[in-house]
N, C-alpha and C. Protein backbone atom coordinates (compact mmCIF):
# COMPACT_ATOMS: atom_id res chain seq x y z
N UNK A 1 -32.29 -14.85 -50.11
CA UNK A 1 -31.27 -14.29 -50.96
C UNK A 1 -30.47 -13.22 -50.24
N UNK A 2 -31.14 -12.40 -49.45
CA UNK A 2 -30.44 -11.35 -48.73
C UNK A 2 -29.62 -11.88 -47.57
N UNK A 3 -29.99 -13.02 -47.04
CA UNK A 3 -29.28 -13.55 -45.88
C UNK A 3 -27.87 -14.03 -46.23
N UNK A 4 -27.60 -14.34 -47.49
CA UNK A 4 -26.27 -14.83 -47.85
C UNK A 4 -25.20 -13.77 -47.62
N UNK A 5 -25.55 -12.51 -47.71
CA UNK A 5 -24.58 -11.45 -47.45
C UNK A 5 -24.39 -11.18 -45.97
N UNK A 6 -25.30 -11.64 -45.14
CA UNK A 6 -25.20 -11.39 -43.71
C UNK A 6 -24.17 -12.28 -43.04
N UNK A 7 -24.04 -13.50 -43.49
CA UNK A 7 -23.10 -14.40 -42.85
C UNK A 7 -21.66 -13.89 -42.96
N UNK A 8 -21.17 -13.51 -44.15
CA UNK A 8 -19.81 -12.99 -44.20
C UNK A 8 -19.65 -11.72 -43.37
N UNK A 9 -20.66 -10.86 -43.34
CA UNK A 9 -20.58 -9.66 -42.54
C UNK A 9 -20.49 -10.02 -41.06
N UNK A 10 -21.27 -10.99 -40.64
CA UNK A 10 -21.23 -11.42 -39.25
C UNK A 10 -19.87 -12.02 -38.91
N UNK A 11 -19.29 -12.76 -39.84
CA UNK A 11 -17.98 -13.36 -39.60
C UNK A 11 -16.92 -12.28 -39.48
N UNK A 12 -17.03 -11.21 -40.25
CA UNK A 12 -16.07 -10.12 -40.16
C UNK A 12 -16.18 -9.40 -38.82
N UNK A 13 -17.37 -9.31 -38.29
CA UNK A 13 -17.60 -8.60 -37.04
C UNK A 13 -17.21 -9.45 -35.82
N UNK A 14 -17.15 -10.77 -35.99
CA UNK A 14 -16.84 -11.64 -34.86
C UNK A 14 -15.38 -11.47 -34.46
N UNK A 15 -15.18 -11.23 -33.19
CA UNK A 15 -13.83 -11.13 -32.66
C UNK A 15 -13.77 -12.00 -31.42
N UNK A 16 -13.05 -13.07 -31.50
CA UNK A 16 -12.99 -13.98 -30.36
C UNK A 16 -12.24 -13.33 -29.21
N UNK A 17 -12.82 -13.40 -28.04
CA UNK A 17 -12.15 -12.95 -26.84
C UNK A 17 -11.58 -14.20 -26.20
N UNK A 18 -10.28 -14.25 -26.08
CA UNK A 18 -9.67 -15.44 -25.53
C UNK A 18 -10.17 -15.69 -24.11
N UNK A 19 -10.14 -14.68 -23.28
CA UNK A 19 -10.64 -14.82 -21.93
C UNK A 19 -11.27 -13.51 -21.48
N UNK A 20 -12.37 -13.64 -20.79
CA UNK A 20 -13.04 -12.51 -20.14
C UNK A 20 -12.89 -12.79 -18.65
N UNK A 21 -11.83 -12.30 -18.07
CA UNK A 21 -11.40 -12.68 -16.73
C UNK A 21 -12.01 -11.76 -15.68
N UNK A 22 -12.43 -12.33 -14.58
CA UNK A 22 -12.74 -11.55 -13.39
C UNK A 22 -11.71 -11.95 -12.35
N UNK A 23 -10.89 -10.98 -11.93
CA UNK A 23 -9.85 -11.26 -10.94
C UNK A 23 -10.24 -10.65 -9.60
N UNK A 24 -9.76 -11.28 -8.55
CA UNK A 24 -10.09 -10.87 -7.18
C UNK A 24 -8.81 -10.75 -6.37
N UNK A 25 -8.84 -9.87 -5.36
CA UNK A 25 -7.67 -9.74 -4.49
C UNK A 25 -7.76 -10.66 -3.27
N UNK A 26 -8.71 -11.58 -3.30
CA UNK A 26 -8.81 -12.62 -2.27
C UNK A 26 -8.80 -13.99 -2.95
N UNK A 27 -8.33 -14.98 -2.25
CA UNK A 27 -8.27 -16.34 -2.81
C UNK A 27 -9.65 -16.99 -2.89
N UNK A 28 -10.66 -16.40 -2.25
CA UNK A 28 -12.01 -16.96 -2.25
C UNK A 28 -12.92 -16.29 -3.28
N UNK A 29 -12.38 -15.36 -4.07
CA UNK A 29 -13.16 -14.60 -5.06
C UNK A 29 -14.31 -13.84 -4.40
N UNK A 30 -14.02 -13.23 -3.26
CA UNK A 30 -15.02 -12.41 -2.58
C UNK A 30 -14.69 -10.94 -2.79
N UNK A 31 -15.68 -10.11 -2.58
CA UNK A 31 -15.49 -8.68 -2.76
C UNK A 31 -15.67 -8.30 -4.22
N UNK A 32 -15.28 -7.09 -4.52
CA UNK A 32 -15.44 -6.56 -5.87
C UNK A 32 -14.36 -7.12 -6.80
N UNK A 33 -14.77 -7.70 -7.90
CA UNK A 33 -13.82 -8.24 -8.88
C UNK A 33 -13.49 -7.22 -9.95
N UNK A 34 -12.35 -7.39 -10.59
CA UNK A 34 -11.94 -6.54 -11.72
C UNK A 34 -12.08 -7.35 -13.00
N UNK A 35 -12.79 -6.80 -13.97
CA UNK A 35 -12.99 -7.50 -15.24
C UNK A 35 -11.93 -7.09 -16.25
N UNK A 36 -11.36 -8.07 -16.92
CA UNK A 36 -10.33 -7.85 -17.93
C UNK A 36 -10.60 -8.77 -19.10
N UNK A 37 -10.52 -8.25 -20.31
CA UNK A 37 -10.62 -9.06 -21.52
C UNK A 37 -9.22 -9.18 -22.09
N UNK A 38 -8.76 -10.41 -22.27
CA UNK A 38 -7.41 -10.65 -22.78
C UNK A 38 -7.44 -11.54 -24.00
N UNK A 39 -6.66 -11.15 -25.00
CA UNK A 39 -6.44 -11.94 -26.21
C UNK A 39 -4.95 -12.17 -26.38
N UNK A 40 -4.59 -13.11 -27.21
CA UNK A 40 -3.17 -13.35 -27.49
C UNK A 40 -2.49 -12.07 -27.95
N UNK A 41 -3.14 -11.32 -28.81
CA UNK A 41 -2.53 -10.12 -29.37
C UNK A 41 -2.38 -8.98 -28.37
N UNK A 42 -2.89 -9.13 -27.15
CA UNK A 42 -2.69 -8.12 -26.11
C UNK A 42 -1.31 -8.24 -25.48
N UNK A 43 -0.67 -9.38 -25.62
CA UNK A 43 0.66 -9.57 -25.07
C UNK A 43 0.68 -9.58 -23.55
N UNK A 44 1.83 -9.25 -23.00
CA UNK A 44 2.06 -9.27 -21.56
C UNK A 44 1.35 -8.09 -20.91
N UNK A 45 0.59 -8.37 -19.85
CA UNK A 45 -0.18 -7.35 -19.15
C UNK A 45 0.04 -7.47 -17.64
N UNK A 46 -0.20 -6.37 -16.94
CA UNK A 46 -0.19 -6.38 -15.48
C UNK A 46 -1.62 -6.57 -14.99
N UNK A 47 -1.85 -7.51 -14.09
CA UNK A 47 -3.22 -7.69 -13.58
C UNK A 47 -3.72 -6.41 -12.92
N UNK A 48 -5.02 -6.13 -13.02
CA UNK A 48 -5.57 -4.91 -12.44
C UNK A 48 -5.64 -4.99 -10.92
N UNK A 49 -5.80 -3.85 -10.30
CA UNK A 49 -6.01 -3.81 -8.86
C UNK A 49 -4.73 -3.90 -8.06
N UNK A 50 -4.89 -4.21 -6.80
CA UNK A 50 -3.75 -4.24 -5.88
C UNK A 50 -3.00 -5.56 -5.91
N UNK A 51 -3.46 -6.50 -6.66
CA UNK A 51 -2.80 -7.79 -6.77
C UNK A 51 -3.80 -8.91 -6.86
N UNK A 52 -3.85 -9.55 -7.98
CA UNK A 52 -4.81 -10.63 -8.19
C UNK A 52 -4.38 -11.85 -7.40
N UNK A 53 -5.33 -12.44 -6.67
CA UNK A 53 -5.07 -13.65 -5.89
C UNK A 53 -5.87 -14.84 -6.40
N UNK A 54 -6.92 -14.55 -7.22
CA UNK A 54 -7.76 -15.61 -7.76
C UNK A 54 -8.51 -15.08 -8.97
N UNK A 55 -9.00 -16.01 -9.82
CA UNK A 55 -9.72 -15.62 -11.04
C UNK A 55 -10.90 -16.54 -11.29
N UNK A 56 -11.84 -16.02 -12.05
CA UNK A 56 -12.90 -16.80 -12.67
C UNK A 56 -12.81 -16.50 -14.15
N UNK A 57 -12.70 -17.55 -14.98
CA UNK A 57 -12.51 -17.38 -16.42
C UNK A 57 -13.62 -18.14 -17.14
N UNK A 58 -14.76 -17.52 -17.40
CA UNK A 58 -15.85 -18.23 -18.07
C UNK A 58 -15.52 -18.53 -19.52
N UNK A 59 -16.08 -19.64 -20.03
CA UNK A 59 -15.87 -20.05 -21.41
C UNK A 59 -16.56 -19.07 -22.34
N UNK A 60 -15.91 -18.74 -23.47
CA UNK A 60 -16.49 -17.80 -24.43
C UNK A 60 -16.74 -18.40 -25.80
N UNK A 61 -15.74 -19.06 -26.40
CA UNK A 61 -15.89 -19.52 -27.78
C UNK A 61 -15.06 -20.77 -28.01
N UNK A 62 -15.51 -21.61 -28.93
CA UNK A 62 -14.79 -22.84 -29.28
C UNK A 62 -13.37 -22.55 -29.73
N UNK A 63 -13.18 -21.45 -30.45
CA UNK A 63 -11.84 -21.11 -30.95
C UNK A 63 -10.85 -20.87 -29.83
N UNK A 64 -11.34 -20.57 -28.65
CA UNK A 64 -10.46 -20.27 -27.52
C UNK A 64 -10.15 -21.49 -26.65
N UNK A 65 -10.70 -22.66 -26.98
CA UNK A 65 -10.56 -23.83 -26.12
C UNK A 65 -9.12 -24.21 -25.83
N UNK A 66 -8.22 -24.05 -26.77
CA UNK A 66 -6.85 -24.49 -26.58
C UNK A 66 -5.95 -23.44 -25.95
N UNK A 67 -6.47 -22.25 -25.70
CA UNK A 67 -5.66 -21.17 -25.16
C UNK A 67 -5.57 -21.27 -23.65
N UNK A 68 -4.50 -20.67 -23.11
CA UNK A 68 -4.26 -20.69 -21.67
C UNK A 68 -3.97 -19.29 -21.16
N UNK A 69 -4.33 -19.02 -19.91
CA UNK A 69 -3.88 -17.82 -19.22
C UNK A 69 -2.63 -18.21 -18.47
N UNK A 70 -1.51 -17.56 -18.77
CA UNK A 70 -0.24 -17.85 -18.10
C UNK A 70 0.06 -16.74 -17.12
N UNK A 71 0.51 -17.10 -15.91
CA UNK A 71 0.88 -16.11 -14.90
C UNK A 71 2.38 -16.18 -14.64
N UNK A 72 2.96 -15.02 -14.33
CA UNK A 72 4.42 -14.91 -14.20
C UNK A 72 4.79 -14.16 -12.92
N UNK A 73 5.99 -14.44 -12.41
CA UNK A 73 6.48 -13.79 -11.19
C UNK A 73 7.20 -12.48 -11.48
N UNK A 74 7.43 -12.15 -12.75
CA UNK A 74 8.05 -10.88 -13.12
C UNK A 74 7.10 -10.11 -14.03
N UNK A 75 7.45 -8.89 -14.35
CA UNK A 75 6.59 -8.05 -15.17
C UNK A 75 6.79 -8.24 -16.67
N UNK A 76 7.67 -9.15 -17.09
CA UNK A 76 7.99 -9.29 -18.51
C UNK A 76 7.45 -10.55 -19.16
N UNK A 77 6.77 -11.39 -18.43
CA UNK A 77 6.20 -12.64 -18.97
C UNK A 77 7.25 -13.57 -19.58
N UNK A 78 8.43 -13.64 -18.98
CA UNK A 78 9.46 -14.57 -19.45
C UNK A 78 9.00 -16.00 -19.18
N UNK A 79 9.20 -16.88 -20.16
CA UNK A 79 8.82 -18.29 -20.00
C UNK A 79 9.43 -18.89 -18.72
N UNK A 80 10.67 -18.52 -18.40
CA UNK A 80 11.34 -19.09 -17.24
C UNK A 80 10.72 -18.63 -15.93
N UNK A 81 9.94 -17.55 -15.96
CA UNK A 81 9.32 -17.02 -14.75
C UNK A 81 7.85 -17.40 -14.65
N UNK A 82 7.45 -18.41 -15.42
CA UNK A 82 6.07 -18.89 -15.40
C UNK A 82 5.73 -19.46 -14.02
N UNK A 83 4.59 -19.02 -13.48
CA UNK A 83 4.11 -19.57 -12.22
C UNK A 83 3.16 -20.72 -12.50
N UNK A 84 2.14 -20.46 -13.34
CA UNK A 84 1.13 -21.47 -13.60
C UNK A 84 0.35 -21.09 -14.86
N UNK A 85 -0.44 -22.03 -15.38
CA UNK A 85 -1.33 -21.75 -16.50
C UNK A 85 -2.74 -22.18 -16.11
N UNK A 86 -3.72 -21.49 -16.71
CA UNK A 86 -5.13 -21.74 -16.38
C UNK A 86 -5.94 -21.78 -17.67
N UNK A 87 -6.94 -22.62 -17.67
CA UNK A 87 -7.89 -22.67 -18.77
C UNK A 87 -9.21 -22.10 -18.26
N UNK A 88 -10.21 -22.06 -19.10
CA UNK A 88 -11.48 -21.47 -18.68
C UNK A 88 -12.13 -22.30 -17.59
N UNK A 89 -12.77 -21.60 -16.67
CA UNK A 89 -13.50 -22.26 -15.59
C UNK A 89 -14.52 -21.29 -15.01
N UNK A 90 -15.66 -21.79 -14.66
CA UNK A 90 -16.71 -20.97 -14.04
C UNK A 90 -16.51 -20.88 -12.53
N UNK A 91 -15.55 -21.60 -12.00
CA UNK A 91 -15.31 -21.63 -10.56
C UNK A 91 -14.17 -20.72 -10.18
N UNK A 92 -14.17 -20.29 -8.93
CA UNK A 92 -13.08 -19.49 -8.40
C UNK A 92 -11.81 -20.34 -8.37
N UNK A 93 -10.75 -19.82 -8.97
CA UNK A 93 -9.48 -20.54 -9.02
C UNK A 93 -8.39 -19.66 -8.41
N UNK A 94 -7.91 -20.01 -7.21
CA UNK A 94 -6.84 -19.21 -6.60
C UNK A 94 -5.52 -19.44 -7.31
N UNK A 95 -4.70 -18.39 -7.35
CA UNK A 95 -3.37 -18.51 -7.92
C UNK A 95 -2.48 -19.28 -6.95
N UNK A 96 -1.52 -20.00 -7.51
CA UNK A 96 -0.59 -20.77 -6.69
C UNK A 96 0.75 -20.05 -6.65
N UNK A 97 1.54 -20.37 -5.65
CA UNK A 97 2.91 -19.87 -5.60
C UNK A 97 3.02 -18.39 -5.29
N UNK A 98 4.02 -17.80 -5.90
CA UNK A 98 4.37 -16.40 -5.66
C UNK A 98 3.28 -15.46 -6.17
N UNK A 99 3.45 -14.18 -5.87
CA UNK A 99 2.52 -13.18 -6.37
C UNK A 99 2.59 -13.05 -7.88
N UNK A 100 1.46 -12.86 -8.50
CA UNK A 100 1.39 -12.71 -9.95
C UNK A 100 1.70 -11.26 -10.30
N UNK A 101 2.79 -11.04 -11.04
CA UNK A 101 3.18 -9.68 -11.44
C UNK A 101 2.82 -9.38 -12.89
N UNK A 102 2.57 -10.43 -13.69
CA UNK A 102 2.12 -10.23 -15.07
C UNK A 102 1.39 -11.48 -15.53
N UNK A 103 0.65 -11.32 -16.64
CA UNK A 103 -0.06 -12.46 -17.23
C UNK A 103 -0.28 -12.19 -18.70
N UNK A 104 -0.55 -13.25 -19.44
CA UNK A 104 -0.88 -13.12 -20.85
C UNK A 104 -1.55 -14.41 -21.31
N UNK A 105 -2.25 -14.31 -22.43
CA UNK A 105 -2.88 -15.47 -23.04
C UNK A 105 -1.85 -16.11 -23.96
N UNK A 106 -1.71 -17.42 -23.86
CA UNK A 106 -0.76 -18.13 -24.72
C UNK A 106 -1.46 -19.25 -25.47
N UNK A 107 -0.92 -19.54 -26.63
CA UNK A 107 -1.32 -20.69 -27.43
C UNK A 107 -0.24 -21.74 -27.20
N UNK A 108 -0.54 -22.88 -26.59
CA UNK A 108 0.48 -23.89 -26.32
C UNK A 108 1.22 -24.37 -27.58
N UNK A 109 0.58 -24.25 -28.74
CA UNK A 109 1.22 -24.66 -29.99
C UNK A 109 2.24 -23.62 -30.46
N UNK A 110 2.11 -22.37 -30.01
CA UNK A 110 3.01 -21.29 -30.40
C UNK A 110 3.12 -20.32 -29.22
N UNK A 111 3.88 -20.69 -28.17
CA UNK A 111 3.91 -19.89 -26.95
C UNK A 111 4.50 -18.48 -27.12
N UNK A 112 5.21 -18.22 -28.20
CA UNK A 112 5.76 -16.88 -28.42
C UNK A 112 4.82 -15.97 -29.20
N UNK A 113 3.68 -16.51 -29.62
CA UNK A 113 2.72 -15.70 -30.37
C UNK A 113 2.20 -14.58 -29.47
N UNK A 114 2.09 -13.40 -30.04
CA UNK A 114 1.62 -12.25 -29.27
C UNK A 114 2.15 -10.98 -29.90
N UNK A 115 2.51 -10.02 -29.08
CA UNK A 115 3.06 -8.77 -29.57
C UNK A 115 4.50 -9.00 -30.02
N UNK A 116 4.80 -8.70 -31.26
CA UNK A 116 6.11 -8.95 -31.85
C UNK A 116 7.24 -8.34 -31.00
N UNK A 117 7.03 -7.12 -30.51
CA UNK A 117 8.06 -6.43 -29.75
C UNK A 117 8.33 -7.08 -28.40
N UNK A 118 7.45 -7.95 -27.94
CA UNK A 118 7.63 -8.61 -26.65
C UNK A 118 8.23 -10.00 -26.76
N UNK A 119 8.46 -10.48 -27.97
CA UNK A 119 8.97 -11.86 -28.14
C UNK A 119 10.29 -12.09 -27.42
N UNK A 120 11.17 -11.09 -27.40
CA UNK A 120 12.44 -11.28 -26.70
C UNK A 120 12.23 -11.34 -25.19
N UNK A 121 11.18 -10.69 -24.69
CA UNK A 121 10.86 -10.81 -23.26
C UNK A 121 10.37 -12.21 -22.95
N UNK A 122 9.48 -12.76 -23.79
CA UNK A 122 8.96 -14.10 -23.56
C UNK A 122 10.10 -15.12 -23.51
N UNK A 123 11.06 -14.95 -24.40
CA UNK A 123 12.17 -15.89 -24.50
C UNK A 123 13.30 -15.56 -23.52
N UNK A 124 13.14 -14.51 -22.72
CA UNK A 124 14.12 -14.09 -21.70
C UNK A 124 15.40 -13.55 -22.31
N UNK A 125 15.38 -13.07 -23.53
CA UNK A 125 16.58 -12.53 -24.15
C UNK A 125 17.09 -11.28 -23.45
N UNK A 126 16.20 -10.50 -22.85
CA UNK A 126 16.60 -9.23 -22.24
C UNK A 126 16.45 -9.21 -20.73
N UNK A 127 16.35 -10.36 -20.10
CA UNK A 127 16.03 -10.38 -18.67
C UNK A 127 17.25 -10.33 -17.77
N UNK A 128 18.42 -10.68 -18.25
CA UNK A 128 19.61 -10.61 -17.42
C UNK A 128 19.53 -11.53 -16.22
N UNK A 129 19.79 -10.98 -15.04
CA UNK A 129 19.82 -11.78 -13.81
C UNK A 129 18.50 -11.77 -13.05
N UNK A 130 17.41 -11.38 -13.68
CA UNK A 130 16.15 -11.25 -12.94
C UNK A 130 15.33 -12.54 -12.91
N UNK A 131 15.94 -13.67 -13.08
CA UNK A 131 15.21 -14.92 -12.91
C UNK A 131 15.07 -15.75 -14.16
N UNK A 132 15.56 -15.26 -15.29
CA UNK A 132 15.38 -16.01 -16.52
C UNK A 132 16.34 -17.17 -16.63
N UNK A 133 17.43 -17.13 -15.90
CA UNK A 133 18.30 -18.28 -15.85
C UNK A 133 19.48 -18.27 -16.79
N UNK A 134 19.46 -17.44 -17.85
CA UNK A 134 20.56 -17.49 -18.81
C UNK A 134 21.89 -17.11 -18.16
N UNK A 135 21.94 -15.99 -17.44
CA UNK A 135 23.18 -15.58 -16.80
C UNK A 135 23.53 -16.52 -15.66
N UNK A 136 22.52 -17.00 -14.93
CA UNK A 136 22.77 -17.91 -13.83
C UNK A 136 23.41 -19.21 -14.34
N UNK A 137 22.97 -19.72 -15.47
CA UNK A 137 23.55 -20.93 -16.05
C UNK A 137 24.98 -20.64 -16.49
N UNK A 138 25.20 -19.49 -17.11
CA UNK A 138 26.54 -19.13 -17.57
C UNK A 138 27.48 -18.99 -16.39
N UNK A 139 27.04 -18.37 -15.30
CA UNK A 139 27.86 -18.20 -14.11
C UNK A 139 28.15 -19.56 -13.48
N UNK A 140 27.18 -20.45 -13.43
CA UNK A 140 27.38 -21.78 -12.86
C UNK A 140 28.42 -22.56 -13.64
N UNK A 141 28.50 -22.35 -14.95
CA UNK A 141 29.48 -23.06 -15.77
C UNK A 141 30.90 -22.58 -15.49
N UNK A 142 31.07 -21.38 -14.94
CA UNK A 142 32.40 -20.87 -14.61
C UNK A 142 32.98 -21.53 -13.37
N UNK A 143 32.12 -22.02 -12.49
CA UNK A 143 32.59 -22.61 -11.22
C UNK A 143 33.32 -23.89 -11.43
């Protein structure tokens, strides 16, 4: 009889961590790693340390299976500046392409979900000529 009240309490206390990331400044995941916990509601973040070159993202919860870690070449997490996306993995996964300047957890079904104040950054509304492409497309149309 008493256990019926414990389940709802346990459900209230449960907070899914989208990713519990260990990032490394080497592509081989050697040396001291930096631990970061990221959720969708954390929005755009700067990777810790002198520059993440690889990650290990262990699986945490079924609710997080469809989520992705997205990496960006700018500090604003604009969709147009996406470098790559990663899902959970117990293995060392080196980053591809350019240096990662920001990252965030995304839901592929709703890629703009996150911090409300950052939605215009995700959509590149405020990026200008820094790689989002809107001004570059407009300038190309003038030629």
